[in-house]
Amino acid sequence: MAVRHTSGASAAANAMHELFPGARLIVAANRAPYRRSLGPDGEPRWERPAGGLTAALDPLMQGFGGVWIAAQPGEGQDLRVPPEAPRYAVEVLGVPVETYRAYYSGYANAGLWPLCHNLVERAHFRPSDWSSYRHVNRLFAERIAKVAKPEDIVFLHDYQLAMVPGYLRGLGYTGPIAHFWHIPWPPTVVLRLLPERRLLLQGLLQADWLGFQTDDSVDAFAAAARKELGARMMRDADGVRLLYQGRVTRLAAVPISIDTARVEEIARAPVTRERIEKLRSRLGLQDASLLLGVDRLDYTKGIPARLDGFTRLLARYPSLHGRVQFLQVGVPTRTEIRDYRRLAIAVRRRVSDINRRYGRPGWRPVRLVERNLTLDQLVALYRLADVAVVSSLYDGLNLVAKEYVAARVDGEGALCLSETAGAYQELRDAFPLSPLSPERVAEGLARALFSSPEERERRMAKLRAAVAANTIHTWLERVLRGLHEAAPQLSGENVTPV
């Protein structure tokens, strides 16, 4: 099958062709890259690929072929995509609604998600949720084992599928397995609150290559494997290897990124300039600065403390009244979970309180947009915003920070970034924020607003260089090369303990 290169993706495609000739990608993730639904007229409609993971893997899978396996409540779907010129398969596993809810909303998102973000008081682990989590992971493994050949690449994603590598090996699959953990891995003292921690560790260690966003997560996982399972750790020039029950697993910190070229292309498009001017007029920003937050309405993002920090800023600097506006895009998520519904209510109340306290005719200090925006719409907002505010309490990475930087093709703008977001490891020239302290948030915002144009341009130039150096395509190439070196059936490495 001929390889179809897309802009910026050739390095990853070349790595795939060089390292895995004749292989297909077998991707497993909770969500599918395309979704098909019926419109009011009964005709099928498609949601197009969007976001980092799909942007990276879709062109590669179109070139080399393969299968993307996902899950959803209710009936399953088998698709050939992209719809206009099918190149690979998407198999969506149908899971009974209650089972899916217990696996996804229960064990994964009411348990693992808060625990891995060190928000232990929010984590709940119920035996019935664990049973459903194992069941769905088993379904994934069975489907992968059915479609994958030993020469294919199995590429698993995130905390929803931690048991899949172990189940796959138990089903006799011998091909290379990579698993990328997109969220933080918690310290061992926190992990010990997880009743099934040893089983998750054992499952993940059946992969040949485990990727994480940061060195901290690599170190935390290695420490847990040593302390909980007695795994042997070996360090070399390429990072960390763990030896457990005769198998070597390579760990690597490979922070995910964005399609930088695509964001820059949108930022330079004439239609984006038109959209910016319409937004400027609609928001009344002719003589005002715009601060922008873009987040899912998730309690890890620090949105209430961010709004409290903006309140402190307005109290401390009356001269900013009428001259600054905060636009918070809050995308609803996991609304079936009570903590998320409560957060949305709390954010709305804070916005209302700020506007009632400080607003005046012709000036609303805060605007809240509770809906998902397209990348084209976001890029226009990034270009318009004088300051982007990313004040996560704890993040695996945070791609909004990178999107904002990539969109600033004019070299202007300022990024305020939490020091506890994974992206801060790469973007240390941002204006730092301490997200739990509204006073410190206000100080960070003031520093960005009142800094000289020269300082902002200097910082942005360094941020743009960092984002350009690590794109979604270089990320994928590093994953492929790391897996090739790690997989014993490819590298010839002897994994028998000595």
Protein backbone atom coordinates (compact mmCIF):
# COMPACT_ATOMS: atom_id res chain seq x y z
CA MET A 1 0.00 0.00 0.00
CA ALA A 2 1.43 3.36 -0.97
CA VAL A 3 2.13 5.84 1.78
CA ARG A 4 0.09 9.04 1.64
CA HIS A 5 2.12 11.80 3.25
CA THR A 6 0.54 14.91 4.64
CA SER A 7 2.24 18.16 5.54
CA GLY A 8 4.57 17.70 8.49
CA ALA A 9 3.91 13.97 8.82
CA SER A 10 6.65 12.62 6.53
CA ALA A 11 9.19 11.98 9.31
CA ALA A 12 6.77 9.74 11.22
CA ALA A 13 5.69 8.02 7.98
CA ASN A 14 9.31 7.41 7.01
CA ALA A 15 10.04 5.99 10.46
CA MET A 16 7.07 3.64 10.16
CA HIS A 17 8.18 2.50 6.71
CA GLU A 18 11.80 2.05 7.79
CA LEU A 19 11.26 0.35 11.14
CA PHE A 20 8.10 -1.65 10.56
CA PRO A 21 7.94 -2.62 6.85
CA GLY A 22 4.61 -4.20 5.99
CA ALA A 23 3.12 -3.39 9.40
CA ARG A 24 -0.25 -1.90 10.16
CA LEU A 25 -1.16 0.25 13.15
CA ILE A 26 -3.64 -1.30 15.54
CA VAL A 27 -4.70 1.64 17.69
CA ALA A 28 -6.89 1.21 20.75
CA ALA A 29 -8.34 4.21 22.58
CA ASN A 30 -11.60 4.83 24.37
CA ARG A 31 -12.83 7.20 21.64
CA ALA A 32 -12.97 6.70 17.89
CA PRO A 33 -11.35 9.18 15.46
CA TYR A 34 -14.54 9.41 13.37
CA ARG A 35 -18.12 9.13 14.51
CA ARG A 36 -21.11 8.44 12.31
CA SER A 37 -24.60 9.57 13.17
CA LEU A 38 -27.88 10.17 11.36
CA GLY A 39 -29.12 13.67 10.67
CA PRO A 40 -32.78 14.78 10.78
CA ASP A 41 -33.15 13.69 7.16
CA GLY A 42 -31.91 10.19 7.97
CA GLU A 43 -28.69 10.68 6.03
CA PRO A 44 -25.40 9.70 7.71
CA ARG A 45 -23.26 12.51 9.06
CA TRP A 46 -19.63 12.39 10.07
CA GLU A 47 -17.67 14.11 12.78
CA ARG A 48 -14.29 14.79 11.29
CA PRO A 49 -10.99 14.06 13.03
CA ALA A 50 -9.93 16.76 15.48
CA GLY A 51 -7.36 17.04 18.23
CA GLY A 52 -3.82 15.86 18.78
CA LEU A 53 -4.06 12.06 18.74
CA THR A 54 -6.26 11.81 15.65
CA ALA A 55 -4.27 14.51 13.85
CA ALA A 56 -1.10 12.44 14.32
CA LEU A 57 -2.36 8.94 13.66
CA ASP A 58 -5.06 9.43 11.01
CA PRO A 59 -2.67 10.26 8.11
CA LEU A 60 -0.31 7.46 9.12
CA MET A 61 -3.11 4.91 9.27
CA GLN A 62 -4.42 6.12 5.92
CA GLY A 63 -0.99 5.39 4.48
CA PHE A 64 -0.22 2.04 6.08
CA GLY A 65 -3.66 0.70 6.87
CA GLY A 66 -4.83 -0.81 10.09
CA VAL A 67 -7.63 -0.77 12.62
CA TRP A 68 -8.68 1.77 15.23
CA ILE A 69 -10.58 0.10 18.08
CA ALA A 70 -12.77 2.15 20.41
CA ALA A 71 -15.81 1.63 22.63
CA GLN A 72 -19.18 3.24 23.22
CA PRO A 73 -22.32 2.47 25.23
CA GLY A 74 -25.02 0.61 23.35
CA GLU A 75 -24.54 -0.79 19.88
CA GLY A 76 -21.18 -1.01 18.20
CA GLN A 77 -20.16 0.33 14.79
CA ASP A 78 -17.82 -0.87 12.06
CA LEU A 79 -16.66 1.91 9.74
CA ARG A 80 -14.27 2.40 6.86
CA VAL A 81 -12.66 5.83 7.00
CA PRO A 82 -12.17 8.53 5.91
CA PRO A 83 -15.67 8.42 4.42
CA GLU A 84 -14.75 10.08 1.12
CA ALA A 85 -11.88 7.63 0.41
CA PRO A 86 -11.77 4.74 2.92
CA ARG A 87 -8.26 3.66 3.90
CA TYR A 88 -8.58 1.93 7.29
CA ALA A 89 -11.14 0.41 9.62
CA VAL A 90 -12.69 1.78 12.80
CA GLU A 91 -14.26 -0.85 15.02
CA VAL A 92 -16.32 0.58 17.87
CA LEU A 93 -17.11 -2.01 20.52
CA GLY A 94 -20.68 -1.91 21.76
CA VAL A 95 -20.82 -2.17 25.55
CA PRO A 96 -24.00 -2.46 27.65
CA VAL A 97 -24.87 0.98 28.96
CA GLU A 98 -24.52 0.17 32.65
CA THR A 99 -21.26 -1.69 32.12
CA TYR A 100 -19.83 1.19 30.10
CA ARG A 101 -20.90 3.70 32.74
CA ALA A 102 -19.19 1.70 35.50
CA TYR A 103 -16.01 1.27 33.43
CA TYR A 104 -15.77 4.85 32.13
CA SER A 105 -17.61 7.19 34.52
CA GLY A 106 -16.92 4.90 37.46
CA TYR A 107 -13.52 3.24 37.67
CA ALA A 108 -11.70 5.33 35.04
CA ASN A 109 -13.04 8.82 35.76
CA ALA A 110 -14.30 8.71 39.34
CA GLY A 111 -11.33 6.60 40.40
CA LEU A 112 -8.15 6.65 38.33
CA TRP A 113 -8.51 10.20 37.00
CA PRO A 114 -8.66 12.04 40.36
CA LEU A 115 -6.13 9.68 41.96
CA CYS A 116 -3.58 10.25 39.18
CA HIS A 117 -4.10 14.00 39.56
CA ASN A 118 -3.40 13.72 43.31
CA LEU A 119 -6.96 14.74 44.18
CA VAL A 120 -7.36 11.75 46.45
CA GLU A 121 -10.46 12.96 48.28
CA ARG A 122 -12.39 12.79 45.00
CA ALA A 123 -11.32 9.22 44.12
CA HIS A 124 -13.83 6.41 44.65
CA PHE A 125 -13.18 2.73 43.94
CA ARG A 126 -16.09 0.29 43.93
CA PRO A 127 -15.73 -3.46 43.27
CA SER A 128 -18.54 -3.35 40.70
CA ASP A 129 -16.74 -0.58 38.77
CA TRP A 130 -13.52 -2.59 38.83
CA SER A 131 -15.36 -5.62 37.46
CA SER A 132 -16.73 -3.57 34.57
CA TYR A 133 -13.34 -1.97 33.93
CA ARG A 134 -11.73 -5.40 33.63
CA HIS A 135 -14.56 -6.62 31.41
CA VAL A 136 -14.24 -3.75 28.92
CA ASN A 137 -10.43 -4.05 28.90
CA ARG A 138 -10.88 -7.72 28.15
CA LEU A 139 -13.20 -6.88 25.25
CA PHE A 140 -10.53 -4.57 23.83
CA ALA A 141 -7.85 -7.25 24.16
CA GLU A 142 -10.00 -9.90 22.51
CA ARG A 143 -10.77 -7.66 19.55
CA ILE A 144 -7.11 -6.65 19.17
CA ALA A 145 -5.98 -10.28 19.32
CA LYS A 146 -8.51 -11.09 16.61
CA VAL A 147 -7.33 -8.46 14.13
CA ALA A 148 -3.60 -7.94 14.93
CA LYS A 149 -0.80 -9.91 13.33
CA PRO A 150 2.59 -10.34 15.05
CA GLU A 151 4.23 -7.92 12.61
CA ASP A 152 1.68 -5.18 13.34
CA ILE A 153 2.08 -2.42 15.92
CA VAL A 154 -0.40 -2.35 18.78
CA PHE A 155 -0.59 1.22 20.12
CA LEU A 156 -2.71 1.59 23.27
CA HIS A 157 -3.79 4.84 24.89
CA ASP A 158 -4.34 6.07 28.40
CA TYR A 159 -5.75 5.15 31.76
CA GLN A 160 -8.95 3.59 30.44
CA LEU A 161 -6.98 0.62 29.00
CA ALA A 162 -4.37 -0.20 31.63
CA MET A 163 -5.21 -3.92 31.74
CA VAL A 164 -5.13 -4.48 27.98
CA PRO A 165 -1.38 -5.28 27.59
CA GLY A 166 -1.59 -8.07 30.18
CA TYR A 167 -4.77 -9.51 28.73
CA LEU A 168 -3.25 -9.44 25.23
CA ARG A 169 -0.21 -11.42 26.33
CA GLY A 170 -2.51 -13.85 28.12
CA LEU A 171 -4.33 -14.40 24.83
CA GLY A 172 -1.01 -15.32 23.19
CA TYR A 173 -0.25 -12.13 21.30
CA THR A 174 3.52 -11.82 20.75
CA GLY A 175 3.81 -8.67 18.63
CA PRO A 176 5.13 -5.27 19.76
CA ILE A 177 2.92 -3.30 22.17
CA ALA A 178 3.26 0.40 23.00
CA HIS A 179 1.11 2.11 25.61
CA PHE A 180 1.03 5.89 26.07
CA TRP A 181 -0.20 7.18 29.43
CA HIS A 182 -1.53 10.68 28.74
CA ILE A 183 -2.22 11.79 32.34
CA PRO A 184 0.21 12.04 35.27
CA TRP A 185 1.37 8.90 37.05
CA PRO A 186 0.97 9.45 40.80
CA PRO A 187 3.65 9.07 43.49
CA THR A 188 3.74 5.64 45.14
CA VAL A 189 2.30 6.95 48.40
CA VAL A 190 -0.77 8.12 46.45
CA LEU A 191 -0.91 5.01 44.25
CA ARG A 192 -1.21 2.87 47.38
CA LEU A 193 -4.74 4.23 47.80
CA LEU A 194 -5.63 2.23 44.67
CA PRO A 195 -6.78 -1.25 45.75
CA GLU A 196 -5.89 -2.85 42.40
CA ARG A 197 -2.54 -1.09 41.91
CA ARG A 198 -0.46 -4.28 41.59
CA LEU A 199 -2.77 -5.68 38.93
CA LEU A 200 -2.59 -2.46 36.90
CA LEU A 201 1.19 -2.36 37.18
CA GLN A 202 1.46 -6.00 36.12
CA GLY A 203 -0.82 -5.38 33.16
CA LEU A 204 1.10 -2.34 31.94
CA LEU A 205 4.46 -4.10 32.29
CA GLN A 206 3.41 -6.55 29.59
CA ALA A 207 3.91 -3.74 27.07
CA ASP A 208 7.30 -3.38 25.39
CA TRP A 209 7.25 0.42 25.59
CA LEU A 210 5.49 2.74 28.02
CA GLY A 211 5.34 6.45 27.26
CA PHE A 212 4.63 9.29 29.68
CA GLN A 213 4.40 13.06 29.41
CA THR A 214 7.15 13.94 31.88
CA ASP A 215 10.27 12.57 33.57
CA ASP A 216 8.42 12.85 36.89
CA SER A 217 5.83 10.33 35.71
CA VAL A 218 8.54 7.98 34.43
CA ASP A 219 10.30 8.12 37.79
CA ALA A 220 7.02 7.64 39.69
CA PHE A 221 6.04 4.60 37.62
CA ALA A 222 9.50 3.04 37.96
CA ALA A 223 9.44 3.58 41.72
CA ALA A 224 6.00 1.97 41.98
CA ALA A 225 7.05 -1.05 39.91
CA ARG A 226 10.12 -1.54 42.13
CA LYS A 227 8.35 -1.07 45.45
CA GLU A 228 5.10 -2.87 44.67
CA LEU A 229 6.30 -5.68 42.39
CA GLY A 230 10.04 -5.94 42.99
CA ALA A 231 10.81 -5.06 39.36
CA ARG A 232 14.47 -4.39 38.57
CA MET A 233 15.26 -0.95 37.19
CA MET A 234 18.10 -0.29 34.76
CA ARG A 235 19.15 3.12 33.48
CA ASP A 236 21.09 3.74 30.30
CA ALA A 237 21.64 6.57 27.83
CA ASP A 238 18.16 6.02 26.38
CA GLY A 239 16.30 6.16 29.69
CA VAL A 240 14.80 3.59 32.02
CA ARG A 241 14.12 -0.11 31.58
CA LEU A 242 12.20 -2.33 33.97
CA LEU A 243 12.77 -6.07 34.19
CA TYR A 244 9.80 -7.99 35.55
CA GLN A 245 9.09 -11.73 35.24
CA GLY A 246 11.48 -12.14 32.33
CA ARG A 247 10.16 -9.22 30.28
CA VAL A 248 11.87 -5.86 29.74
CA THR A 249 9.71 -2.77 29.40
CA ARG A 250 11.22 0.49 28.22
CA LEU A 251 9.93 3.71 29.86
CA ALA A 252 10.23 7.06 28.12
CA ALA A 253 9.17 10.66 28.69
CA VAL A 254 7.83 11.75 25.31
CA PRO A 255 5.54 14.76 25.75
CA ILE A 256 2.77 14.85 23.19
CA SER A 257 2.32 17.95 21.06
CA ILE A 258 0.20 19.54 18.35
CA ASP A 259 0.13 19.86 14.57
CA THR A 260 2.08 23.11 14.69
CA ALA A 261 2.07 23.66 10.93
CA ARG A 262 -1.70 23.28 10.78
CA VAL A 263 -2.28 25.80 13.59
CA GLU A 264 0.07 28.29 11.95
CA GLU A 265 -1.67 27.81 8.59
CA ILE A 266 -5.02 28.63 10.17
CA ALA A 267 -3.51 31.60 12.03
CA ARG A 268 -2.26 33.15 8.77
CA ALA A 269 -5.43 32.53 6.76
CA PRO A 270 -7.39 35.61 5.58
CA VAL A 271 -10.61 34.13 6.99
CA THR A 272 -8.99 34.08 10.44
CA ARG A 273 -8.15 37.78 10.19
CA GLU A 274 -11.77 38.47 9.30
CA ARG A 275 -12.95 36.37 12.24
CA ILE A 276 -10.60 38.26 14.60
CA GLU A 277 -12.03 41.64 13.63
CA LYS A 278 -15.60 40.41 14.07
CA LEU A 279 -14.73 39.06 17.51
CA ARG A 280 -12.99 42.28 18.48
CA SER A 281 -16.10 44.26 17.63
CA ARG A 282 -18.50 41.79 19.24
CA LEU A 283 -16.54 41.67 22.50
CA GLY A 284 -15.94 45.42 22.59
CA LEU A 285 -12.15 45.12 22.64
CA GLN A 286 -11.18 48.20 20.66
CA ASP A 287 -9.51 49.72 23.74
CA ALA A 288 -9.37 46.69 26.03
CA SER A 289 -7.04 43.75 26.59
CA LEU A 290 -8.35 40.18 26.41
CA LEU A 291 -7.39 37.42 28.82
CA LEU A 292 -8.38 33.97 27.58
CA GLY A 293 -8.90 30.61 29.25
CA VAL A 294 -9.77 27.48 27.24
CA ASP A 295 -10.53 24.33 29.21
CA ARG A 296 -12.83 21.44 29.69
CA LEU A 297 -14.94 22.08 32.79
CA ASP A 298 -12.76 19.76 34.82
CA TYR A 299 -11.73 20.28 38.44
CA THR A 300 -8.06 19.68 37.57
CA LYS A 301 -7.96 22.89 35.49
CA GLY A 302 -8.09 25.34 38.41
CA ILE A 303 -10.85 27.49 36.91
CA PRO A 304 -12.43 28.72 40.20
CA ALA A 305 -9.05 29.82 41.59
CA ARG A 306 -8.28 31.44 38.23
CA LEU A 307 -11.47 33.51 38.41
CA ASP A 308 -10.70 34.38 42.04
CA GLY A 309 -7.27 35.55 40.86
CA PHE A 310 -8.88 37.74 38.23
CA THR A 311 -11.11 39.19 40.96
CA ARG A 312 -8.00 40.05 43.00
CA LEU A 313 -6.51 41.69 39.91
CA LEU A 314 -9.55 43.93 39.49
CA ALA A 315 -9.53 44.83 43.20
CA ARG A 316 -5.83 45.67 43.17
CA TYR A 317 -5.80 47.64 39.90
CA PRO A 318 -8.92 49.84 39.50
CA SER A 319 -7.25 51.36 36.44
CA LEU A 320 -7.99 48.07 34.62
CA HIS A 321 -11.75 48.48 35.03
CA GLY A 322 -13.25 48.77 31.57
CA ARG A 323 -9.85 48.08 29.99
CA VAL A 324 -9.59 44.31 30.43
CA GLN A 325 -11.92 41.38 29.83
CA PHE A 326 -11.63 37.70 30.71
CA LEU A 327 -13.14 35.19 28.27
CA GLN A 328 -13.41 31.67 29.68
CA VAL A 329 -14.26 28.87 27.27
CA GLY A 330 -15.51 26.04 29.47
CA VAL A 331 -16.38 22.90 27.52
CA PRO A 332 -18.85 20.66 29.38
CA THR A 333 -17.45 17.20 30.10
CA ARG A 334 -18.41 14.08 32.08
CA THR A 335 -21.65 15.69 33.16
CA GLU A 336 -22.88 12.33 34.42
CA ILE A 337 -20.41 12.66 37.33
CA ARG A 338 -21.61 14.77 40.26
CA ASP A 339 -18.28 16.55 40.88
CA TYR A 340 -18.30 17.87 37.32
CA ARG A 341 -21.86 19.16 37.56
CA ARG A 342 -20.98 20.93 40.82
CA LEU A 343 -17.93 22.51 39.24
CA ALA A 344 -19.98 23.92 36.36
CA ILE A 345 -22.41 25.47 38.85
CA ALA A 346 -19.54 26.95 40.89
CA VAL A 347 -17.93 28.50 37.80
CA ARG A 348 -21.20 30.07 36.68
CA ARG A 349 -21.73 31.56 40.13
CA ARG A 350 -18.24 33.06 40.21
CA VAL A 351 -18.69 34.62 36.79
CA SER A 352 -22.04 36.09 37.86
CA ASP A 353 -20.57 37.42 41.12
CA ILE A 354 -17.63 39.12 39.36
CA ASN A 355 -19.86 40.75 36.78
CA ARG A 356 -22.34 41.92 39.42
CA ARG A 357 -19.57 43.32 41.63
CA TYR A 358 -17.39 45.01 39.02
CA GLY A 359 -19.44 45.28 35.83
CA ARG A 360 -20.93 48.48 34.55
CA PRO A 361 -22.89 49.55 31.47
CA GLY A 362 -20.86 48.69 28.39
CA TRP A 363 -18.35 46.51 30.26
CA ARG A 364 -18.75 42.91 31.40
CA PRO A 365 -15.50 41.78 33.07
CA VAL A 366 -16.01 38.04 32.45
CA ARG A 367 -17.69 36.12 29.67
CA LEU A 368 -18.29 32.36 29.92
CA VAL A 369 -18.75 30.25 26.79
CA GLU A 370 -19.96 26.74 27.63
CA ARG A 371 -19.58 24.88 24.37
CA ASN A 372 -16.98 23.21 22.25
CA LEU A 373 -15.24 25.38 19.64
CA THR A 374 -13.59 24.28 16.43
CA LEU A 375 -9.85 24.69 15.98
CA ASP A 376 -10.51 27.49 13.47
CA GLN A 377 -12.56 29.37 16.08
CA LEU A 378 -9.97 28.78 18.80
CA VAL A 379 -7.09 30.00 16.65
CA ALA A 380 -8.91 33.28 16.05
CA LEU A 381 -9.35 33.68 19.82
CA TYR A 382 -5.68 32.83 20.41
CA ARG A 383 -4.64 35.52 17.91
CA LEU A 384 -6.96 38.03 19.59
CA ALA A 385 -6.00 37.30 23.21
CA ASP A 386 -3.32 39.47 24.76
CA VAL A 387 -2.82 36.88 27.51
CA ALA A 388 -3.66 33.15 27.56
CA VAL A 389 -4.17 31.75 31.05
CA VAL A 390 -3.47 28.07 31.77
CA SER A 391 -3.68 27.59 35.54
CA SER A 392 -4.14 23.84 35.87
CA LEU A 393 -3.78 22.41 39.35
CA TYR A 394 -2.15 19.35 37.83
CA ASP A 395 -2.04 18.29 34.18
CA GLY A 396 -0.50 15.53 32.16
CA LEU A 397 0.53 18.16 29.64
CA ASN A 398 -2.06 20.75 28.43
CA LEU A 399 -2.12 21.31 24.69
CA VAL A 400 -3.95 24.65 24.92
CA ALA A 401 -0.68 26.26 25.97
CA LYS A 402 1.05 24.92 22.86
CA GLU A 403 -1.83 25.86 20.56
CA TYR A 404 -1.75 29.45 21.82
CA VAL A 405 1.98 29.74 21.20
CA ALA A 406 1.75 28.18 17.73
CA ALA A 407 -1.09 30.53 16.79
CA ARG A 408 0.97 33.62 17.67
CA VAL A 409 2.64 33.86 14.27
CA ASP A 410 2.86 37.61 14.94
CA GLY A 411 5.34 36.95 17.77
CA GLU A 412 3.10 38.81 20.22
CA GLY A 413 0.92 37.73 23.14
CA ALA A 414 1.77 36.36 26.56
CA LEU A 415 1.29 32.90 28.04
CA CYS A 416 0.60 32.54 31.77
CA LEU A 417 1.24 28.90 32.63
CA SER A 418 0.87 26.88 35.80
CA GLU A 419 4.14 25.45 37.05
CA THR A 420 2.28 22.21 37.78
CA ALA A 421 1.11 21.68 34.20
CA GLY A 422 3.19 19.14 32.31
CA ALA A 423 3.71 21.63 29.48
CA TYR A 424 5.70 23.89 31.81
CA GLN A 425 8.65 21.48 31.49
CA GLU A 426 8.97 22.54 27.84
CA LEU A 427 7.57 26.08 28.09
CA ARG A 428 9.53 27.59 30.97
CA ASP A 429 9.64 31.00 29.29
CA ALA A 430 5.94 31.46 30.01
CA PHE A 431 4.88 33.77 32.83
CA PRO A 432 4.60 31.29 35.72
CA LEU A 433 1.47 30.89 37.82
CA SER A 434 0.97 29.30 41.24
CA PRO A 435 -2.57 27.96 40.69
CA LEU A 436 -3.80 27.39 44.25
CA SER A 437 -3.22 30.97 45.39
CA PRO A 438 -5.58 33.60 43.94
CA GLU A 439 -3.13 36.30 45.08
CA ARG A 440 -0.28 34.65 43.18
CA VAL A 441 -2.52 34.16 40.15
CA ALA A 442 -3.31 37.88 40.24
CA GLU A 443 0.42 38.67 40.45
CA GLY A 444 1.14 36.46 37.42
CA LEU A 445 -1.63 38.06 35.39
CA ALA A 446 -0.45 41.55 36.31
CA ARG A 447 3.11 40.71 35.36
CA ALA A 448 1.99 39.53 31.93
CA LEU A 449 -0.32 42.51 31.37
CA PHE A 450 2.19 45.14 32.49
CA SER A 451 5.35 43.63 31.00
CA SER A 452 7.11 45.52 28.24
CA PRO A 453 6.53 44.60 24.58
CA GLU A 454 10.20 43.61 24.41
CA GLU A 455 9.86 41.11 27.27
CA ARG A 456 6.72 39.58 25.78
CA GLU A 457 8.33 39.24 22.36
CA ARG A 458 11.49 37.71 23.86
CA ARG A 459 9.50 35.16 25.82
CA MET A 460 7.22 34.33 22.90
CA ALA A 461 10.16 33.78 20.55
CA LYS A 462 11.60 31.18 22.91
CA LEU A 463 8.20 29.55 23.42
CA ARG A 464 7.65 29.30 19.68
CA ALA A 465 11.05 27.70 19.19
CA ALA A 466 10.19 25.09 21.83
CA VAL A 467 6.84 24.28 20.22
CA ALA A 468 8.38 24.08 16.75
CA ALA A 469 11.01 21.63 18.01
CA ASN A 470 8.42 19.12 19.24
CA THR A 471 5.36 18.68 17.05
CA ILE A 472 2.79 15.91 17.02
CA HIS A 473 4.73 14.32 14.16
CA THR A 474 8.11 14.33 15.91
CA TRP A 475 6.29 12.88 18.96
CA LEU A 476 4.97 9.99 16.90
CA GLU A 477 8.37 9.38 15.31
CA ARG A 478 9.95 9.16 18.79
CA VAL A 479 7.26 6.68 19.85
CA LEU A 480 7.91 4.48 16.82
CA ARG A 481 11.68 4.52 17.26
CA GLY A 482 11.38 3.86 20.98
CA LEU A 483 9.10 0.89 20.39
CA HIS A 484 11.43 -0.55 17.77
CA GLU A 485 14.36 -0.40 20.18
CA ALA A 486 12.30 -1.80 23.05
CA ALA A 487 10.51 -4.73 21.42
CA PRO A 488 12.67 -7.86 21.89
CA GLN A 489 11.33 -9.52 18.75
CA LEU A 490 12.61 -6.51 16.76
CA SER A 491 15.81 -5.54 18.55
CA GLY A 492 17.02 -9.07 19.32
CA GLU A 493 17.52 -8.12 22.98
CA ASN A 494 17.77 -10.98 25.46
CA VAL A 495 15.18 -10.40 28.14
CA THR A 496 16.02 -13.41 30.31
CA PRO A 497 17.06 -12.22 33.81
CA VAL A 498 20.62 -12.99 34.80
